[in-house]
C-alpha atoms as a PDB file:
ATOM      1  CA  MET A   1      -2.681 -14.996  -3.158  1.00  0.00           C
ATOM      2  CA  PRO A   2      -3.539 -12.316  -5.765  1.00  0.00           C
ATOM      3  CA  VAL A   3      -2.329  -8.763  -5.307  1.00  0.00           C
ATOM      4  CA  SER A   4      -5.075  -6.533  -3.893  1.00  0.00           C
ATOM      5  CA  PHE A   5      -5.680  -2.890  -4.780  1.00  0.00           C
ATOM      6  CA  GLN A   6      -6.759  -1.980  -1.243  1.00  0.00           C
ATOM      7  CA  LYS A   7      -4.068  -3.893   0.630  1.00  0.00           C
ATOM      8  CA  ASP A   8      -1.094  -3.741  -1.757  1.00  0.00           C
ATOM      9  CA  ILE A   9      -1.504  -1.035  -4.406  1.00  0.00           C
ATOM     10  CA  LEU A  10      -3.247   1.862  -2.702  1.00  0.00           C
ATOM     11  CA  PRO A  11      -0.476   2.158  -0.065  1.00  0.00           C
ATOM     12  CA  LEU A  12       2.045   2.729  -2.889  1.00  0.00           C
ATOM     13  CA  PHE A  13       0.449   6.112  -3.570  1.00  0.00           C
ATOM     14  CA  ARG A  14       1.336   8.804  -1.047  1.00  0.00           C
ATOM     15  CA  PRO A  15      -1.424  11.244  -0.036  1.00  0.00           C
ATOM     16  CA  ILE A  16       0.469  14.008  -1.856  1.00  0.00           C
ATOM     17  CA  ASP A  17       0.472  11.899  -5.058  1.00  0.00           C
ATOM     18  CA  ILE A  18      -3.261  11.269  -4.780  1.00  0.00           C
ATOM     19  CA  ASP A  19      -4.011  14.961  -4.211  1.00  0.00           C
ATOM     20  CA  HIS A  20      -1.643  16.168  -6.934  1.00  0.00           C
ATOM     21  CA  MET A  21      -3.048  13.804  -9.564  1.00  0.00           C
ATOM     22  CA  ARG A  22      -6.745  14.136  -8.617  1.00  0.00           C
ATOM     23  CA  PRO A  23      -7.532  16.571 -11.480  1.00  0.00           C
ATOM     24  CA  HIS A  24      -6.227  13.959 -13.946  1.00  0.00           C
ATOM     25  CA  VAL A  25      -6.360  10.494 -12.365  1.00  0.00           C
ATOM     26  CA  LEU A  26      -8.204   9.021  -9.386  1.00  0.00           C
ATOM     27  CA  LEU A  27      -5.339   7.009  -7.910  1.00  0.00           C
ATOM     28  CA  ASP A  28      -7.272   6.078  -4.771  1.00  0.00           C
ATOM     29  CA  ASP A  29     -10.460   4.975  -6.567  1.00  0.00           C
ATOM     30  CA  TYR A  30     -10.549   1.232  -7.229  1.00  0.00           C
ATOM     31  CA  ALA A  31     -13.455   1.468  -9.704  1.00  0.00           C
ATOM     32  CA  TYR A  32     -11.583   4.083 -11.731  1.00  0.00           C
ATOM     33  CA  MET A  33      -8.209   2.323 -11.608  1.00  0.00           C
ATOM     34  CA  SER A  34      -9.652  -1.106 -12.474  1.00  0.00           C
ATOM     35  CA  ASN A  35     -12.064   0.138 -15.151  1.00  0.00           C
ATOM     36  CA  PRO A  36     -11.823  -2.323 -18.071  1.00  0.00           C
ATOM     37  CA  ASP A  37     -12.620   0.319 -20.707  1.00  0.00           C
ATOM     38  CA  ARG A  38     -10.003   0.604 -23.448  1.00  0.00           C
ATOM     39  CA  ASP A  39      -8.143  -2.430 -22.087  1.00  0.00           C
ATOM     40  CA  HIS A  40      -7.755  -1.008 -18.566  1.00  0.00           C
ATOM     41  CA  ALA A  41      -6.402   2.285 -19.930  1.00  0.00           C
ATOM     42  CA  HIS A  42      -6.292   4.060 -16.550  1.00  0.00           C
ATOM     43  CA  ALA A  43      -4.239   1.390 -14.797  1.00  0.00           C
ATOM     44  CA  VAL A  44      -1.960   0.950 -17.814  1.00  0.00           C
ATOM     45  CA  ALA A  45      -1.307   4.701 -18.088  1.00  0.00           C
ATOM     46  CA  VAL A  46      -0.473   4.971 -14.385  1.00  0.00           C
ATOM     47  CA  GLY A  47       1.903   2.034 -14.766  1.00  0.00           C
ATOM     48  CA  ASP A  48       3.562   3.703 -17.740  1.00  0.00           C
ATOM     49  CA  PHE A  49       4.150   6.922 -15.806  1.00  0.00           C
ATOM     50  CA  VAL A  50       5.471   5.309 -12.613  1.00  0.00           C
ATOM     51  CA  THR A  51       7.900   3.138 -14.590  1.00  0.00           C
ATOM     52  CA  GLY A  52       9.108   5.966 -16.807  1.00  0.00           C
ATOM     53  CA  ARG A  53       7.798   4.400 -20.012  1.00  0.00           C
ATOM     54  CA  ARG A  54       5.907   7.695 -20.389  1.00  0.00           C
ATOM     55  CA  GLU A  55       7.111  11.130 -19.391  1.00  0.00           C
ATOM     56  CA  PRO A  56       7.067  12.881 -17.064  1.00  0.00           C
ATOM     57  CA  ARG A  57       7.927  10.072 -14.699  1.00  0.00           C
ATOM     58  CA  MET A  58       5.752  10.003 -11.624  1.00  0.00           C
ATOM     59  CA  PRO A  59       5.735  11.087  -8.941  1.00  0.00           C
ATOM     60  CA  PRO A  60       7.143  14.419 -10.110  1.00  0.00           C
ATOM     61  CA  GLY A  61      10.667  14.798  -8.761  1.00  0.00           C
ATOM     62  CA  GLY A  62      10.551  11.380  -7.072  1.00  0.00           C
ATOM     63  CA  PRO A  63      11.015   9.419  -5.031  1.00  0.00           C
ATOM     64  CA  TYR A  64      10.403   7.005  -7.863  1.00  0.00           C
ATOM     65  CA  TRP A  65       9.031   3.539  -7.256  1.00  0.00           C
ATOM     66  CA  THR A  66      11.479   0.732  -6.663  1.00  0.00           C
ATOM     67  CA  ALA A  67      11.663  -2.298  -8.934  1.00  0.00           C
ATOM     68  CA  ALA A  68       9.772  -4.263  -6.250  1.00  0.00           C
ATOM     69  CA  GLN A  69       6.962  -1.690  -6.146  1.00  0.00           C
ATOM     70  CA  ILE A  70       6.698  -1.671  -9.940  1.00  0.00           C
ATOM     71  CA  ALA A  71       6.623  -5.475  -9.983  1.00  0.00           C
ATOM     72  CA  LEU A  72       3.833  -5.469  -7.377  1.00  0.00           C
ATOM     73  CA  TYR A  73       1.779  -3.019  -9.462  1.00  0.00           C
ATOM     74  CA  GLU A  74       2.324  -5.079 -12.609  1.00  0.00           C
ATOM     75  CA  GLN A  75       1.363  -8.240 -10.708  1.00  0.00           C
ATOM     76  CA  TRP A  76      -1.890  -6.546  -9.649  1.00  0.00           C
ATOM     77  CA  MET A  77      -2.700  -6.050 -13.326  1.00  0.00           C
ATOM     78  CA  THR A  78      -1.656  -9.616 -14.203  1.00  0.00           C
ATOM     79  CA  ASP A  79      -3.780 -10.971 -11.338  1.00  0.00           C
ATOM     80  CA  GLY A  80      -6.865  -9.350 -12.851  1.00  0.00           C
ATOM     81  CA  TYR A  81      -7.119  -5.988 -11.038  1.00  0.00           C
ATOM     82  CA  GLN A  82      -8.335  -7.487  -7.751  1.00  0.00           C
ATOM     83  CA  PRO A  83      -9.988  -5.182  -5.241  1.00  0.00           C
END
């Protein structure tokens, strides 16, 4: 079964993360996160920050995502950004 934004990905973001990032990124907005513009730039950027491929690593000060959480997020992208 494909990874779902609503069921699997959205719960990875704490309310404090969503509120803190709202001026920059709409973490809780499926249409924004799955937008195909610029090769899914929003989802890719979020993935880069939560993995530490881009700094500062998110969420600021941690707790950082586990390898399993990162794998789930990456699987969501691989599965085609399912709602």
